[in-house]
Protein backbone atom coordinates (compact mmCIF):
# COMPACT_ATOMS: atom_id res chain seq x y z
CA MET A 1 65.77 66.72 83.58
CA PRO A 2 66.30 62.92 83.39
CA LEU A 3 67.73 63.15 79.86
CA LYS A 4 71.04 64.91 80.52
CA ARG A 5 72.99 61.87 79.37
CA ALA A 6 70.57 60.65 76.71
CA VAL A 7 70.75 63.96 74.83
CA LEU A 8 74.51 63.77 74.20
CA PRO A 9 74.40 61.62 71.01
CA LEU A 10 71.84 64.05 69.54
CA LEU A 11 74.11 67.08 69.79
CA ASP A 12 76.27 68.57 67.04
CA HIS A 13 78.68 70.16 69.49
CA ILE A 14 79.32 69.39 73.16
CA ASP A 15 80.97 71.91 75.44
CA PRO A 16 84.18 70.44 76.96
CA LEU A 17 82.77 70.61 80.50
CA ALA A 18 79.58 68.80 79.49
CA ARG A 19 81.66 66.15 77.74
CA GLU A 20 83.87 65.64 80.80
CA VAL A 21 80.88 65.39 83.14
CA GLY A 22 78.96 63.23 80.70
CA ALA A 23 75.79 65.32 80.97
CA ALA A 24 74.32 68.37 79.26
CA ASN A 25 71.47 70.24 80.95
CA THR A 26 71.19 72.97 78.31
CA VAL A 27 70.86 72.83 74.52
CA VAL A 28 71.23 76.02 72.50
CA PHE A 29 70.26 76.07 68.82
CA THR A 30 72.69 78.24 66.85
CA GLY A 31 73.19 78.27 63.09
CA GLY A 32 71.07 75.17 62.70
CA ARG A 33 73.30 73.21 65.08
CA ARG A 34 72.59 71.80 68.53
CA HIS A 35 75.13 72.91 71.15
CA GLY A 36 75.15 71.16 74.53
CA HIS A 37 76.30 72.83 77.74
CA ASN A 38 76.44 72.06 81.44
CA THR A 39 75.50 74.92 83.77
CA ASP A 40 75.00 72.64 86.78
CA VAL A 41 78.71 72.68 87.60
CA PRO A 42 79.17 76.47 87.77
CA GLY A 43 75.79 76.59 89.52
CA MET A 44 77.09 74.25 92.22
CA ILE A 45 80.28 76.26 92.61
CA ALA A 46 78.28 79.49 92.96
CA ALA A 47 75.91 77.88 95.48
CA LEU A 48 78.83 76.63 97.56
CA ALA A 49 80.39 80.09 97.39
CA GLU A 50 77.22 81.42 99.05
CA ALA A 51 77.90 78.89 101.82
CA GLY A 52 81.44 80.24 102.17
CA ALA A 53 83.25 77.56 100.17
CA THR A 54 85.41 79.14 97.50
CA GLY A 55 88.89 77.98 96.57
CA LEU A 56 90.08 75.03 98.65
CA SER A 57 93.75 74.75 99.50
CA GLY A 58 96.03 71.94 100.54
CA PRO A 59 94.73 68.35 100.71
CA ALA A 60 91.10 69.48 100.58
CA THR A 61 88.46 66.77 100.93
CA VAL A 62 85.02 66.58 99.36
CA LEU A 63 82.39 63.99 100.29
CA ILE A 64 79.59 63.39 97.77
CA LEU A 65 76.43 61.51 98.70
CA GLY A 66 75.07 59.62 95.69
CA GLY A 67 76.41 58.32 92.40
CA GLY A 68 74.08 59.57 89.66
CA ALA A 69 74.33 62.31 87.03
CA THR A 70 74.20 65.08 89.62
CA ALA A 71 77.07 63.43 91.49
CA CYS A 72 79.11 63.65 88.27
CA SER A 73 78.51 67.40 88.24
CA ALA A 74 79.49 67.50 91.90
CA LEU A 75 82.80 65.87 90.98
CA ALA A 76 83.46 68.64 88.46
CA ALA A 77 82.48 71.26 91.04
CA ALA A 78 84.93 69.68 93.50
CA ARG A 79 87.65 70.02 90.86
CA GLY A 80 86.63 73.63 90.27
CA LEU A 81 87.05 74.32 93.98
CA GLY A 82 90.55 72.88 93.91
CA ALA A 83 90.00 69.44 95.42
CA ALA A 84 92.31 66.80 94.00
CA ARG A 85 90.51 63.86 95.60
CA THR A 86 86.92 63.08 96.48
CA THR A 87 84.95 60.36 98.20
CA ALA A 88 81.51 59.29 97.00
CA ALA A 89 79.18 57.42 99.36
CA VAL A 90 77.00 55.19 97.19
CA ARG A 91 74.48 52.45 97.91
CA ASP A 92 75.75 50.13 95.17
CA PRO A 93 79.31 50.62 93.87
CA ALA A 94 78.48 48.33 90.93
CA ARG A 95 76.07 50.99 89.65
CA ALA A 96 78.58 53.84 89.91
CA ALA A 97 80.34 53.13 86.60
CA ASP A 98 79.30 56.47 85.09
CA LEU A 99 80.65 58.32 88.14
CA VAL A 100 83.96 56.46 87.96
CA ALA A 101 84.22 57.23 84.23
CA ALA A 102 83.49 60.92 84.86
CA ALA A 103 86.23 61.03 87.51
CA ALA A 104 88.70 59.65 84.95
CA ARG A 105 87.70 62.25 82.35
CA LEU A 106 87.91 65.02 84.94
CA ALA A 107 91.24 63.72 86.29
CA VAL A 108 89.83 63.80 89.81
CA GLY A 109 90.82 61.08 92.26
CA LEU A 110 87.73 59.22 93.47
CA THR A 111 87.17 56.75 96.29
CA LEU A 112 83.88 54.87 96.56
CA THR A 113 82.54 53.93 99.97
CA GLY A 114 79.32 52.52 101.39
CA PHE A 115 76.46 54.98 101.77
CA ASP A 116 75.85 54.35 105.48
CA GLY A 117 79.46 54.38 106.57
CA PRO A 118 81.71 56.81 104.66
CA GLU A 119 85.26 56.73 105.94
CA ILE A 120 85.64 60.50 105.82
CA THR A 121 84.14 62.23 108.86
CA ALA A 122 85.31 65.84 108.55
CA PRO A 123 85.31 66.83 104.87
CA ASP A 124 85.92 70.38 103.80
CA VAL A 125 82.76 70.15 101.67
CA LEU A 126 79.78 67.78 101.76
CA ILE A 127 77.57 67.69 98.65
CA SER A 128 74.39 65.65 98.88
CA THR A 129 72.94 64.71 95.49
CA VAL A 130 70.33 62.24 96.77
CA PRO A 131 66.54 62.77 96.98
CA ALA A 132 64.75 64.23 99.98
CA GLY A 133 64.90 61.86 102.94
CA ALA A 134 67.72 59.71 101.59
CA ALA A 135 70.35 61.65 103.53
CA ASP A 136 68.56 61.57 106.90
CA PHE A 137 71.10 59.07 108.25
CA HIS A 138 73.84 61.61 107.61
CA ALA A 139 71.74 64.37 109.18
CA GLU A 140 71.71 62.28 112.36
CA ARG A 141 75.48 61.84 112.11
CA ILE A 142 75.95 65.62 111.88
CA ALA A 143 73.57 66.15 114.81
CA ARG A 144 75.63 63.90 117.09
CA GLY A 145 78.97 65.22 115.83
CA ALA A 146 80.03 62.07 113.96
CA LEU A 147 80.12 63.95 110.66
CA ALA A 148 81.45 67.51 110.62
CA PRO A 149 81.84 69.13 107.20
CA ARG A 150 83.00 72.73 106.99
CA HIS A 151 80.50 73.56 104.21
CA LEU A 152 77.41 71.78 102.90
CA LEU A 153 75.33 71.79 99.73
CA ASP A 154 72.10 69.78 99.57
CA VAL A 155 70.67 69.78 96.02
CA VAL A 156 67.10 69.31 97.28
CA TYR A 157 65.13 72.59 97.10
CA HIS A 158 61.70 71.54 98.37
CA PRO A 159 60.86 70.98 101.14
CA TRP A 160 63.47 73.24 102.68
CA PRO A 161 65.34 73.05 104.93
CA THR A 162 65.99 69.36 104.63
CA PRO A 163 66.90 67.45 107.80
CA LEU A 164 70.52 67.43 106.52
CA ALA A 165 70.59 71.22 106.12
CA ALA A 166 68.80 71.79 109.42
CA ALA A 167 71.29 69.61 111.27
CA ALA A 168 74.17 71.43 109.61
CA ARG A 169 72.85 74.86 110.50
CA GLN A 170 72.21 73.77 114.10
CA ALA A 171 75.85 72.64 114.24
CA GLY A 172 76.99 76.01 112.90
CA ILE A 173 77.87 74.65 109.42
CA PRO A 174 77.04 76.97 106.49
CA ALA A 175 74.54 75.19 104.23
CA ALA A 176 73.34 76.03 100.71
CA GLY A 177 70.29 74.41 99.19
CA GLY A 178 69.01 73.25 95.86
CA PHE A 179 67.23 76.51 95.16
CA THR A 180 70.55 78.37 95.18
CA LEU A 181 71.94 75.77 92.76
CA LEU A 182 68.80 76.01 90.62
CA LEU A 183 69.08 79.79 90.56
CA HIS A 184 72.70 79.92 89.47
CA GLN A 185 72.45 77.16 86.86
CA ALA A 186 69.39 78.93 85.41
CA ALA A 187 71.34 82.20 85.31
CA GLY A 188 73.94 80.41 83.20
CA GLN A 189 71.20 79.18 80.89
CA VAL A 190 69.77 82.69 80.48
CA GLU A 191 73.18 84.00 79.49
CA LEU A 192 73.75 81.18 77.00
CA MET A 193 70.34 81.69 75.41
CA THR A 194 70.29 85.49 75.32
CA GLY A 195 73.93 86.58 75.35
CA LYS A 196 73.04 89.01 78.14
CA PRO A 197 73.70 89.01 81.90
CA ALA A 198 71.02 87.19 83.87
CA PRO A 199 68.81 89.32 86.18
CA LEU A 200 69.92 87.31 89.19
CA ALA A 201 68.21 89.40 91.88
CA ALA A 202 64.85 89.32 90.08
CA MET A 203 65.19 85.58 89.46
CA ARG A 204 65.97 84.98 93.14
CA THR A 205 62.94 86.99 94.23
CA ALA A 206 60.64 85.16 91.79
CA GLY A 207 61.95 81.78 92.86
CA ASP A 208 61.58 82.53 96.56
CA SER A 209 58.02 83.68 95.92
CA ALA A 210 57.16 80.53 93.95
CA LEU A 211 58.50 78.23 96.67
CA ARG A 212 56.44 80.00 99.34
CA THR A 213 53.17 79.41 97.52
């Protein structure tokens, strides 16, 4: 999981989406060649669709929490949803060079802002890519009405719900979690590796069962 960027120079072929994002989470060996793909992006889009976010229209806004590799995939997901501009709340803008470079490759407008005080307060979509507990400040903002996204995706899948997701649901905001992302990106991997449709329902049941144990 931490080698999505490091693997790129080792690949013989990189899918255009993985190249734009700057990360490959799947390598398929075909004909003696290593092919890199990114299923995180369609996985995010599918997870957000389960939270009611499909195509965004007009001057849609997306707020991303974090600036790492997963945030780069979130940028591509924002583009896939139709957002022309995004804001990323990061702790240290000087360490967000990879995110800024990904935005340029994806042709997505990006504004960086401080993590504890993002300028945008009512985004169409909020995507949190930070570890469990790191977004608690924003959970408190949602709870008191200072931050009011229309849809939310928190990439954390355990423990669930996170304080961010719980605050969103209490405020009536549809929230998808990391398990839904994990499920849909894995379905993409199954299809790449087998050439067959993924058994999504069975995978969901197995994942739910594993998280309950």
